[in-house]
Amino acid sequence: MNFSMIKQAMELKSKLQKTQKELAKMTVEAESGNGAVRVTASGSQKILSIKILPDVIDPNNSKQLEKLVFKAVTDALDKAKKLADEKLGKLTGGMKIPGITD
């Protein structure tokens, strides 16, 4: 058994866990419709809030609001994933680790 490799793996695991906790506290924002819909997501890719300006709520045109919400959510999650990839990639040297960097 190579104890040096085991030690390195344990250190990496600890650093990854610390970074994941830090990511959970970080936030990204995205908007659509010139700010009509704003979405905040955590660095761990969880939606934290969705804010919609009242003047874009049209009961006769729900499709437009759905598109704005979908775009803002998609953009927020993309930004969160990019942030996570950046932070975790520094630790893993770009190596994909299932469940962590995938």
PDB file of N, CA and C in Angstrom:
ATOM      1  N   MET A   1       0.826  -1.182   0.000  1.00  0.00           N
ATOM      2  CA  MET A   1       0.000   0.000   0.000  1.00  0.00           C
ATOM      3  C   MET A   1       0.871   1.247   0.000  1.00  0.00           C
ATOM      4  N   ASN A   2       0.475   2.208  -0.780  1.00  0.00           N
ATOM      5  CA  ASN A   2       1.228   3.456  -0.859  1.00  0.00           C
ATOM      6  C   ASN A   2       0.548   4.495   0.038  1.00  0.00           C
ATOM      7  N   PHE A   3       1.109   4.681   1.245  1.00  0.00           N
ATOM      8  CA  PHE A   3       0.504   5.591   2.213  1.00  0.00           C
ATOM      9  C   PHE A   3       0.575   7.042   1.759  1.00  0.00           C
ATOM     10  N   SER A   4       1.576   7.370   0.971  1.00  0.00           N
ATOM     11  CA  SER A   4       1.694   8.727   0.448  1.00  0.00           C
ATOM     12  C   SER A   4       0.504   9.058  -0.457  1.00  0.00           C
ATOM     13  N   MET A   5       0.114   8.121  -1.309  1.00  0.00           N
ATOM     14  CA  MET A   5      -1.035   8.334  -2.191  1.00  0.00           C
ATOM     15  C   MET A   5      -2.318   8.440  -1.389  1.00  0.00           C
ATOM     16  N   ILE A   6      -2.448   7.612  -0.362  1.00  0.00           N
ATOM     17  CA  ILE A   6      -3.640   7.653   0.479  1.00  0.00           C
ATOM     18  C   ILE A   6      -3.729   9.004   1.183  1.00  0.00           C
ATOM     19  N   LYS A   7      -2.602   9.475   1.683  1.00  0.00           N
ATOM     20  CA  LYS A   7      -2.568  10.771   2.354  1.00  0.00           C
ATOM     21  C   LYS A   7      -2.947  11.885   1.385  1.00  0.00           C
ATOM     22  N   GLN A   8      -2.408  11.839   0.172  1.00  0.00           N
ATOM     23  CA  GLN A   8      -2.732  12.849  -0.831  1.00  0.00           C
ATOM     24  C   GLN A   8      -4.223  12.816  -1.185  1.00  0.00           C
ATOM     25  N   ALA A   9      -4.768  11.633  -1.308  1.00  0.00           N
ATOM     26  CA  ALA A   9      -6.192  11.485  -1.628  1.00  0.00           C
ATOM     27  C   ALA A   9      -7.055  12.053  -0.504  1.00  0.00           C
ATOM     28  N   MET A  10      -6.669  11.812   0.729  1.00  0.00           N
ATOM     29  CA  MET A  10      -7.425  12.329   1.870  1.00  0.00           C
ATOM     30  C   MET A  10      -7.335  13.855   1.928  1.00  0.00           C
ATOM     31  N   GLU A  11      -6.153  14.405   1.624  1.00  0.00           N
ATOM     32  CA  GLU A  11      -5.993  15.856   1.603  1.00  0.00           C
ATOM     33  C   GLU A  11      -6.846  16.479   0.493  1.00  0.00           C
ATOM     34  N   LEU A  12      -6.856  15.848  -0.670  1.00  0.00           N
ATOM     35  CA  LEU A  12      -7.663  16.338  -1.779  1.00  0.00           C
ATOM     36  C   LEU A  12      -9.141  16.297  -1.414  1.00  0.00           C
ATOM     37  N   LYS A  13      -9.565  15.213  -0.806  1.00  0.00           N
ATOM     38  CA  LYS A  13     -10.961  15.085  -0.395  1.00  0.00           C
ATOM     39  C   LYS A  13     -11.330  16.203   0.576  1.00  0.00           C
ATOM     40  N   SER A  14     -10.467  16.478   1.510  1.00  0.00           N
ATOM     41  CA  SER A  14     -10.714  17.538   2.490  1.00  0.00           C
ATOM     42  C   SER A  14     -10.810  18.900   1.800  1.00  0.00           C
ATOM     43  N   LYS A  15      -9.896  19.171   0.875  1.00  0.00           N
ATOM     44  CA  LYS A  15      -9.916  20.446   0.146  1.00  0.00           C
ATOM     45  C   LYS A  15     -11.174  20.568  -0.712  1.00  0.00           C
ATOM     46  N   LEU A  16     -11.577  19.452  -1.340  1.00  0.00           N
ATOM     47  CA  LEU A  16     -12.777  19.466  -2.164  1.00  0.00           C
ATOM     48  C   LEU A  16     -14.017  19.747  -1.316  1.00  0.00           C
ATOM     49  N   GLN A  17     -14.094  19.128  -0.149  1.00  0.00           N
ATOM     50  CA  GLN A  17     -15.233  19.359   0.734  1.00  0.00           C
ATOM     51  C   GLN A  17     -15.278  20.815   1.196  1.00  0.00           C
ATOM     52  N   LYS A  18     -14.129  21.364   1.517  1.00  0.00           N
ATOM     53  CA  LYS A  18     -14.055  22.762   1.943  1.00  0.00           C
ATOM     54  C   LYS A  18     -14.509  23.678   0.805  1.00  0.00           C
ATOM     55  N   THR A  19     -14.042  23.408  -0.406  1.00  0.00           N
ATOM     56  CA  THR A  19     -14.412  24.218  -1.561  1.00  0.00           C
ATOM     57  C   THR A  19     -15.903  24.099  -1.851  1.00  0.00           C
ATOM     58  N   GLN A  20     -16.458  22.912  -1.713  1.00  0.00           N
ATOM     59  CA  GLN A  20     -17.895  22.727  -1.940  1.00  0.00           C
ATOM     60  C   GLN A  20     -18.714  23.530  -0.925  1.00  0.00           C
ATOM     61  N   LYS A  21     -18.260  23.584   0.319  1.00  0.00           N
ATOM     62  CA  LYS A  21     -18.949  24.384   1.332  1.00  0.00           C
ATOM     63  C   LYS A  21     -18.857  25.863   0.982  1.00  0.00           C
ATOM     64  N   GLU A  22     -17.693  26.293   0.513  1.00  0.00           N
ATOM     65  CA  GLU A  22     -17.518  27.689   0.093  1.00  0.00           C
ATOM     66  C   GLU A  22     -18.432  28.008  -1.087  1.00  0.00           C
ATOM     67  N   LEU A  23     -18.527  27.102  -2.041  1.00  0.00           N
ATOM     68  CA  LEU A  23     -19.388  27.304  -3.203  1.00  0.00           C
ATOM     69  C   LEU A  23     -20.851  27.452  -2.787  1.00  0.00           C
ATOM     70  N   ALA A  24     -21.264  26.689  -1.793  1.00  0.00           N
ATOM     71  CA  ALA A  24     -22.648  26.756  -1.329  1.00  0.00           C
ATOM     72  C   ALA A  24     -22.982  28.145  -0.784  1.00  0.00           C
ATOM     73  N   LYS A  25     -21.959  28.866  -0.313  1.00  0.00           N
ATOM     74  CA  LYS A  25     -22.171  30.209   0.233  1.00  0.00           C
ATOM     75  C   LYS A  25     -22.060  31.300  -0.836  1.00  0.00           C
ATOM     76  N   MET A  26     -21.465  30.972  -1.974  1.00  0.00           N
ATOM     77  CA  MET A  26     -21.303  31.945  -3.058  1.00  0.00           C
ATOM     78  C   MET A  26     -22.591  32.017  -3.867  1.00  0.00           C
ATOM     79  N   THR A  27     -22.834  33.178  -4.471  1.00  0.00           N
ATOM     80  CA  THR A  27     -24.031  33.321  -5.294  1.00  0.00           C
ATOM     81  C   THR A  27     -23.682  33.918  -6.652  1.00  0.00           C
ATOM     82  N   VAL A  28     -24.515  33.607  -7.613  1.00  0.00           N
ATOM     83  CA  VAL A  28     -24.457  34.208  -8.942  1.00  0.00           C
ATOM     84  C   VAL A  28     -25.864  34.692  -9.272  1.00  0.00           C
ATOM     85  N   GLU A  29     -25.945  35.679 -10.144  1.00  0.00           N
ATOM     86  CA  GLU A  29     -27.236  36.208 -10.561  1.00  0.00           C
ATOM     87  C   GLU A  29     -27.334  36.208 -12.067  1.00  0.00           C
ATOM     88  N   ALA A  30     -28.555  36.024 -12.536  1.00  0.00           N
ATOM     89  CA  ALA A  30     -28.826  36.130 -13.962  1.00  0.00           C
ATOM     90  C   ALA A  30     -30.178  36.813 -14.109  1.00  0.00           C
ATOM     91  N   GLU A  31     -30.350  37.449 -15.250  1.00  0.00           N
ATOM     92  CA  GLU A  31     -31.619  38.132 -15.495  1.00  0.00           C
ATOM     93  C   GLU A  31     -32.023  37.950 -16.944  1.00  0.00           C
ATOM     94  N   SER A  32     -33.295  38.205 -17.195  1.00  0.00           N
ATOM     95  CA  SER A  32     -33.802  38.199 -18.566  1.00  0.00           C
ATOM     96  C   SER A  32     -34.854  39.295 -18.671  1.00  0.00           C
ATOM     97  N   GLY A  33     -35.174  39.638 -19.888  1.00  0.00           N
ATOM     98  CA  GLY A  33     -36.167  40.688 -20.104  1.00  0.00           C
ATOM     99  C   GLY A  33     -35.736  42.020 -19.534  1.00  0.00           C
ATOM    100  N   ASN A  34     -34.457  42.364 -19.708  1.00  0.00           N
ATOM    101  CA  ASN A  34     -33.913  43.632 -19.185  1.00  0.00           C
ATOM    102  C   ASN A  34     -34.170  43.796 -17.693  1.00  0.00           C
ATOM    103  N   GLY A  35     -33.996  42.715 -16.957  1.00  0.00           N
ATOM    104  CA  GLY A  35     -34.148  42.771 -15.500  1.00  0.00           C
ATOM    105  C   GLY A  35     -35.545  42.458 -15.011  1.00  0.00           C
ATOM    106  N   ALA A  36     -36.444  42.103 -15.913  1.00  0.00           N
ATOM    107  CA  ALA A  36     -37.815  41.786 -15.508  1.00  0.00           C
ATOM    108  C   ALA A  36     -37.854  40.540 -14.632  1.00  0.00           C
ATOM    109  N   VAL A  37     -36.960  39.609 -14.907  1.00  0.00           N
ATOM    110  CA  VAL A  37     -36.853  38.386 -14.102  1.00  0.00           C
ATOM    111  C   VAL A  37     -35.402  38.259 -13.663  1.00  0.00           C
ATOM    112  N   ARG A  38     -35.203  38.100 -12.354  1.00  0.00           N
ATOM    113  CA  ARG A  38     -33.867  37.924 -11.786  1.00  0.00           C
ATOM    114  C   ARG A  38     -33.840  36.625 -10.986  1.00  0.00           C
ATOM    115  N   VAL A  39     -32.782  35.861 -11.215  1.00  0.00           N
ATOM    116  CA  VAL A  39     -32.623  34.583 -10.522  1.00  0.00           C
ATOM    117  C   VAL A  39     -31.276  34.590  -9.815  1.00  0.00           C
ATOM    118  N   THR A  40     -31.289  34.160  -8.563  1.00  0.00           N
ATOM    119  CA  THR A  40     -30.059  34.006  -7.793  1.00  0.00           C
ATOM    120  C   THR A  40     -29.868  32.518  -7.520  1.00  0.00           C
ATOM    121  N   ALA A  41     -28.649  32.047  -7.771  1.00  0.00           N
ATOM    122  CA  ALA A  41     -28.317  30.640  -7.529  1.00  0.00           C
ATOM    123  C   ALA A  41     -27.039  30.583  -6.706  1.00  0.00           C
ATOM    124  N   SER A  42     -26.897  29.493  -5.961  1.00  0.00           N
ATOM    125  CA  SER A  42     -25.672  29.292  -5.192  1.00  0.00           C
ATOM    126  C   SER A  42     -24.607  28.687  -6.093  1.00  0.00           C
ATOM    127  N   GLY A  43     -23.370  28.760  -5.633  1.00  0.00           N
ATOM    128  CA  GLY A  43     -22.272  28.143  -6.363  1.00  0.00           C
ATOM    129  C   GLY A  43     -22.393  26.633  -6.431  1.00  0.00           C
ATOM    130  N   SER A  44     -23.257  26.076  -5.587  1.00  0.00           N
ATOM    131  CA  SER A  44     -23.501  24.629  -5.637  1.00  0.00           C
ATOM    132  C   SER A  44     -24.717  24.309  -6.516  1.00  0.00           C
ATOM    133  N   GLN A  45     -25.096  25.279  -7.349  1.00  0.00           N
ATOM    134  CA  GLN A  45     -26.112  25.105  -8.381  1.00  0.00           C
ATOM    135  C   GLN A  45     -27.516  24.849  -7.839  1.00  0.00           C
ATOM    136  N   LYS A  46     -27.858  25.584  -6.790  1.00  0.00           N
ATOM    137  CA  LYS A  46     -29.213  25.534  -6.238  1.00  0.00           C
ATOM    138  C   LYS A  46     -29.843  26.910  -6.444  1.00  0.00           C
ATOM    139  N   ILE A  47     -31.077  26.940  -6.893  1.00  0.00           N
ATOM    140  CA  ILE A  47     -31.785  28.201  -7.073  1.00  0.00           C
ATOM    141  C   ILE A  47     -32.165  28.729  -5.691  1.00  0.00           C
ATOM    142  N   LEU A  48     -31.759  29.968  -5.403  1.00  0.00           N
ATOM    143  CA  LEU A  48     -32.031  30.574  -4.107  1.00  0.00           C
ATOM    144  C   LEU A  48     -33.228  31.514  -4.146  1.00  0.00           C
ATOM    145  N   SER A  49     -33.395  32.214  -5.268  1.00  0.00           N
ATOM    146  CA  SER A  49     -34.550  33.111  -5.373  1.00  0.00           C
ATOM    147  C   SER A  49     -34.852  33.426  -6.824  1.00  0.00           C
ATOM    148  N   ILE A  50     -36.110  33.761  -7.050  1.00  0.00           N
ATOM    149  CA  ILE A  50     -36.580  34.235  -8.349  1.00  0.00           C
ATOM    150  C   ILE A  50     -37.414  35.476  -8.072  1.00  0.00           C
ATOM    151  N   LYS A  51     -37.044  36.577  -8.694  1.00  0.00           N
ATOM    152  CA  LYS A  51     -37.776  37.824  -8.530  1.00  0.00           C
ATOM    153  C   LYS A  51     -38.344  38.233  -9.892  1.00  0.00           C
ATOM    154  N   ILE A  52     -39.622  38.583  -9.897  1.00  0.00           N
ATOM    155  CA  ILE A  52     -40.309  38.956 -11.131  1.00  0.00           C
ATOM    156  C   ILE A  52     -40.960  40.323 -10.926  1.00  0.00           C
ATOM    157  N   LEU A  53     -40.671  41.248 -11.832  1.00  0.00           N
ATOM    158  CA  LEU A  53     -41.311  42.560 -11.759  1.00  0.00           C
ATOM    159  C   LEU A  53     -42.801  42.404 -12.066  1.00  0.00           C
ATOM    160  N   PRO A  54     -43.649  43.037 -11.277  1.00  0.00           N
ATOM    161  CA  PRO A  54     -45.105  42.876 -11.453  1.00  0.00           C
ATOM    162  C   PRO A  54     -45.610  43.239 -12.849  1.00  0.00           C
ATOM    163  N   ASP A  55     -44.984  44.213 -13.504  1.00  0.00           N
ATOM    164  CA  ASP A  55     -45.500  44.643 -14.805  1.00  0.00           C
ATOM    165  C   ASP A  55     -45.288  43.626 -15.925  1.00  0.00           C
ATOM    166  N   VAL A  56     -44.524  42.566 -15.692  1.00  0.00           N
ATOM    167  CA  VAL A  56     -44.368  41.527 -16.727  1.00  0.00           C
ATOM    168  C   VAL A  56     -45.315  40.356 -16.504  1.00  0.00           C
ATOM    169  N   ILE A  57     -46.115  40.449 -15.464  1.00  0.00           N
ATOM    170  CA  ILE A  57     -47.080  39.378 -15.193  1.00  0.00           C
ATOM    171  C   ILE A  57     -48.367  39.701 -15.947  1.00  0.00           C
ATOM    172  N   ASP A  58     -48.558  39.027 -17.054  1.00  0.00           N
ATOM    173  CA  ASP A  58     -49.737  39.219 -17.894  1.00  0.00           C
ATOM    174  C   ASP A  58     -50.483  37.892 -17.958  1.00  0.00           C
ATOM    175  N   PRO A  59     -51.642  37.811 -17.293  1.00  0.00           N
ATOM    176  CA  PRO A  59     -52.381  36.534 -17.294  1.00  0.00           C
ATOM    177  C   PRO A  59     -52.778  36.070 -18.694  1.00  0.00           C
ATOM    178  N   ASN A  60     -52.778  36.980 -19.657  1.00  0.00           N
ATOM    179  CA  ASN A  60     -53.141  36.613 -21.031  1.00  0.00           C
ATOM    180  C   ASN A  60     -51.936  36.171 -21.854  1.00  0.00           C
ATOM    181  N   ASN A  61     -50.726  36.271 -21.273  1.00  0.00           N
ATOM    182  CA  ASN A  61     -49.519  35.889 -22.017  1.00  0.00           C
ATOM    183  C   ASN A  61     -48.528  35.203 -21.070  1.00  0.00           C
ATOM    184  N   SER A  62     -48.936  34.092 -20.515  1.00  0.00           N
ATOM    185  CA  SER A  62     -48.066  33.372 -19.580  1.00  0.00           C
ATOM    186  C   SER A  62     -46.833  32.786 -20.282  1.00  0.00           C
ATOM    187  N   LYS A  63     -46.929  32.520 -21.568  1.00  0.00           N
ATOM    188  CA  LYS A  63     -45.800  31.940 -22.309  1.00  0.00           C
ATOM    189  C   LYS A  63     -44.585  32.859 -22.257  1.00  0.00           C
ATOM    190  N   GLN A  64     -44.797  34.163 -22.387  1.00  0.00           N
ATOM    191  CA  GLN A  64     -43.688  35.111 -22.362  1.00  0.00           C
ATOM    192  C   GLN A  64     -42.989  35.072 -21.012  1.00  0.00           C
ATOM    193  N   LEU A  65     -43.753  35.062 -19.925  1.00  0.00           N
ATOM    194  CA  LEU A  65     -43.162  34.999 -18.588  1.00  0.00           C
ATOM    195  C   LEU A  65     -42.428  33.677 -18.389  1.00  0.00           C
ATOM    196  N   GLU A  66     -43.009  32.606 -18.869  1.00  0.00           N
ATOM    197  CA  GLU A  66     -42.347  31.299 -18.767  1.00  0.00           C
ATOM    198  C   GLU A  66     -40.988  31.329 -19.467  1.00  0.00           C
ATOM    199  N   LYS A  67     -40.917  31.933 -20.644  1.00  0.00           N
ATOM    200  CA  LYS A  67     -39.655  32.029 -21.385  1.00  0.00           C
ATOM    201  C   LYS A  67     -38.620  32.851 -20.616  1.00  0.00           C
ATOM    202  N   LEU A  68     -39.071  33.976 -20.036  1.00  0.00           N
ATOM    203  CA  LEU A  68     -38.161  34.830 -19.274  1.00  0.00           C
ATOM    204  C   LEU A  68     -37.618  34.098 -18.048  1.00  0.00           C
ATOM    205  N   VAL A  69     -38.489  33.393 -17.342  1.00  0.00           N
ATOM    206  CA  VAL A  69     -38.057  32.643 -16.151  1.00  0.00           C
ATOM    207  C   VAL A  69     -37.113  31.524 -16.559  1.00  0.00           C
ATOM    208  N   PHE A  70     -37.466  30.797 -17.604  1.00  0.00           N
ATOM    209  CA  PHE A  70     -36.625  29.688 -18.068  1.00  0.00           C
ATOM    210  C   PHE A  70     -35.230  30.187 -18.437  1.00  0.00           C
ATOM    211  N   LYS A  71     -35.161  31.288 -19.180  1.00  0.00           N
ATOM    212  CA  LYS A  71     -33.868  31.828 -19.602  1.00  0.00           C
ATOM    213  C   LYS A  71     -33.039  32.262 -18.400  1.00  0.00           C
ATOM    214  N   ALA A  72     -33.649  32.970 -17.466  1.00  0.00           N
ATOM    215  CA  ALA A  72     -32.909  33.448 -16.293  1.00  0.00           C
ATOM    216  C   ALA A  72     -32.421  32.283 -15.434  1.00  0.00           C
ATOM    217  N   VAL A  73     -33.258  31.270 -15.242  1.00  0.00           N
ATOM    218  CA  VAL A  73     -32.858  30.100 -14.448  1.00  0.00           C
ATOM    219  C   VAL A  73     -31.714  29.358 -15.144  1.00  0.00           C
ATOM    220  N   THR A  74     -31.851  29.142 -16.446  1.00  0.00           N
ATOM    221  CA  THR A  74     -30.806  28.451 -17.201  1.00  0.00           C
ATOM    222  C   THR A  74     -29.484  29.208 -17.124  1.00  0.00           C
ATOM    223  N   ASP A  75     -29.539  30.535 -17.297  1.00  0.00           N
ATOM    224  CA  ASP A  75     -28.321  31.339 -17.231  1.00  0.00           C
ATOM    225  C   ASP A  75     -27.695  31.300 -15.835  1.00  0.00           C
ATOM    226  N   ALA A  76     -28.528  31.372 -14.796  1.00  0.00           N
ATOM    227  CA  ALA A  76     -28.008  31.330 -13.425  1.00  0.00           C
ATOM    228  C   ALA A  76     -27.320  29.994 -13.150  1.00  0.00           C
ATOM    229  N   LEU A  77     -27.939  28.911 -13.569  1.00  0.00           N
ATOM    230  CA  LEU A  77     -27.334  27.597 -13.342  1.00  0.00           C
ATOM    231  C   LEU A  77     -26.057  27.426 -14.160  1.00  0.00           C
ATOM    232  N   ASP A  78     -26.031  27.971 -15.366  1.00  0.00           N
ATOM    233  CA  ASP A  78     -24.798  27.931 -16.183  1.00  0.00           C
ATOM    234  C   ASP A  78     -23.675  28.684 -15.484  1.00  0.00           C
ATOM    235  N   LYS A  79     -23.992  29.870 -14.952  1.00  0.00           N
ATOM    236  CA  LYS A  79     -22.990  30.655 -14.228  1.00  0.00           C
ATOM    237  C   LYS A  79     -22.504  29.917 -12.985  1.00  0.00           C
ATOM    238  N   ALA A  80     -23.431  29.284 -12.263  1.00  0.00           N
ATOM    239  CA  ALA A  80     -23.057  28.542 -11.059  1.00  0.00           C
ATOM    240  C   ALA A  80     -22.159  27.362 -11.414  1.00  0.00           C
ATOM    241  N   LYS A  81     -22.481  26.679 -12.507  1.00  0.00           N
ATOM    242  CA  LYS A  81     -21.660  25.538 -12.934  1.00  0.00           C
ATOM    243  C   LYS A  81     -20.265  26.016 -13.326  1.00  0.00           C
ATOM    244  N   LYS A  82     -20.197  27.131 -14.044  1.00  0.00           N
ATOM    245  CA  LYS A  82     -18.908  27.682 -14.459  1.00  0.00           C
ATOM    246  C   LYS A  82     -18.066  28.048 -13.229  1.00  0.00           C
ATOM    247  N   LEU A  83     -18.713  28.653 -12.226  1.00  0.00           N
ATOM    248  CA  LEU A  83     -18.027  29.016 -10.991  1.00  0.00           C
ATOM    249  C   LEU A  83     -17.498  27.764 -10.293  1.00  0.00           C
ATOM    250  N   ALA A  84     -18.343  26.736 -10.190  1.00  0.00           N
ATOM    251  CA  ALA A  84     -17.928  25.489  -9.546  1.00  0.00           C
ATOM    252  C   ALA A  84     -16.797  24.828 -10.316  1.00  0.00           C
ATOM    253  N   ASP A  85     -16.911  24.797 -11.639  1.00  0.00           N
ATOM    254  CA  ASP A  85     -15.854  24.195 -12.461  1.00  0.00           C
ATOM    255  C   ASP A  85     -14.527  24.918 -12.247  1.00  0.00           C
ATOM    256  N   GLU A  86     -14.607  26.237 -12.158  1.00  0.00           N
ATOM    257  CA  GLU A  86     -13.399  27.041 -11.960  1.00  0.00           C
ATOM    258  C   GLU A  86     -12.753  26.744 -10.602  1.00  0.00           C
ATOM    259  N   LYS A  87     -13.559  26.749  -9.550  1.00  0.00           N
ATOM    260  CA  LYS A  87     -13.028  26.535  -8.196  1.00  0.00           C
ATOM    261  C   LYS A  87     -12.544  25.102  -7.994  1.00  0.00           C
ATOM    262  N   LEU A  88     -13.341  24.134  -8.436  1.00  0.00           N
ATOM    263  CA  LEU A  88     -12.975  22.731  -8.233  1.00  0.00           C
ATOM    264  C   LEU A  88     -11.880  22.302  -9.200  1.00  0.00           C
ATOM    265  N   GLY A  89     -11.869  22.895 -10.391  1.00  0.00           N
ATOM    266  CA  GLY A  89     -10.854  22.560 -11.381  1.00  0.00           C
ATOM    267  C   GLY A  89      -9.451  22.889 -10.910  1.00  0.00           C
ATOM    268  N   LYS A  90      -9.332  23.939 -10.092  1.00  0.00           N
ATOM    269  CA  LYS A  90      -8.026  24.307  -9.549  1.00  0.00           C
ATOM    270  C   LYS A  90      -7.487  23.199  -8.644  1.00  0.00           C
ATOM    271  N   LEU A  91      -8.390  22.527  -7.960  1.00  0.00           N
ATOM    272  CA  LEU A  91      -7.966  21.458  -7.042  1.00  0.00           C
ATOM    273  C   LEU A  91      -7.678  20.146  -7.762  1.00  0.00           C
ATOM    274  N   THR A  92      -8.471  19.886  -8.792  1.00  0.00           N
ATOM    275  CA  THR A  92      -8.354  18.588  -9.461  1.00  0.00           C
ATOM    276  C   THR A  92      -7.475  18.636 -10.704  1.00  0.00           C
ATOM    277  N   GLY A  93      -6.982  19.817 -11.026  1.00  0.00           N
ATOM    278  CA  GLY A  93      -6.150  19.944 -12.223  1.00  0.00           C
ATOM    279  C   GLY A  93      -6.930  19.668 -13.484  1.00  0.00           C
ATOM    280  N   GLY A  94      -8.236  19.936 -13.446  1.00  0.00           N
ATOM    281  CA  GLY A  94      -9.083  19.722 -14.611  1.00  0.00           C
ATOM    282  C   GLY A  94      -9.594  18.298 -14.766  1.00  0.00           C
ATOM    283  N   MET A  95      -9.146  17.409 -13.872  1.00  0.00           N
ATOM    284  CA  MET A  95      -9.587  16.026 -13.935  1.00  0.00           C
ATOM    285  C   MET A  95     -11.049  15.936 -13.518  1.00  0.00           C
ATOM    286  N   LYS A  96     -11.871  15.242 -14.289  1.00  0.00           N
ATOM    287  CA  LYS A  96     -13.284  15.068 -13.979  1.00  0.00           C
ATOM    288  C   LYS A  96     -13.449  13.976 -12.915  1.00  0.00           C
ATOM    289  N   ILE A  97     -14.090  14.329 -11.820  1.00  0.00           N
ATOM    290  CA  ILE A  97     -14.357  13.377 -10.753  1.00  0.00           C
ATOM    291  C   ILE A  97     -15.861  13.229 -10.634  1.00  0.00           C
ATOM    292  N   PRO A  98     -16.416  12.053 -10.960  1.00  0.00           N
ATOM    293  CA  PRO A  98     -17.870  11.881 -10.916  1.00  0.00           C
ATOM    294  C   PRO A  98     -18.454  12.284  -9.566  1.00  0.00           C
ATOM    295  N   GLY A  99     -19.554  13.048  -9.658  1.00  0.00           N
ATOM    296  CA  GLY A  99     -20.220  13.487  -8.440  1.00  0.00           C
ATOM    297  C   GLY A  99     -19.636  14.758  -7.845  1.00  0.00           C
ATOM    298  N   ILE A 100     -18.484  15.184  -8.373  1.00  0.00           N
ATOM    299  CA  ILE A 100     -17.855  16.396  -7.835  1.00  0.00           C
ATOM    300  C   ILE A 100     -17.653  17.423  -8.935  1.00  0.00           C
ATOM    301  N   THR A 101     -17.037  17.030 -10.020  1.00  0.00           N
ATOM    302  CA  THR A 101     -16.728  17.975 -11.087  1.00  0.00           C
ATOM    303  C   THR A 101     -17.441  17.637 -12.391  1.00  0.00           C
ATOM    304  N   ASP A 102     -18.441  16.800 -12.334  1.00  0.00           N
ATOM    305  CA  ASP A 102     -19.105  16.447 -13.598  1.00  0.00           C
ATOM    306  C   ASP A 102     -20.280  17.328 -13.877  1.00  0.00           C
TER     307      ASP A 102
END
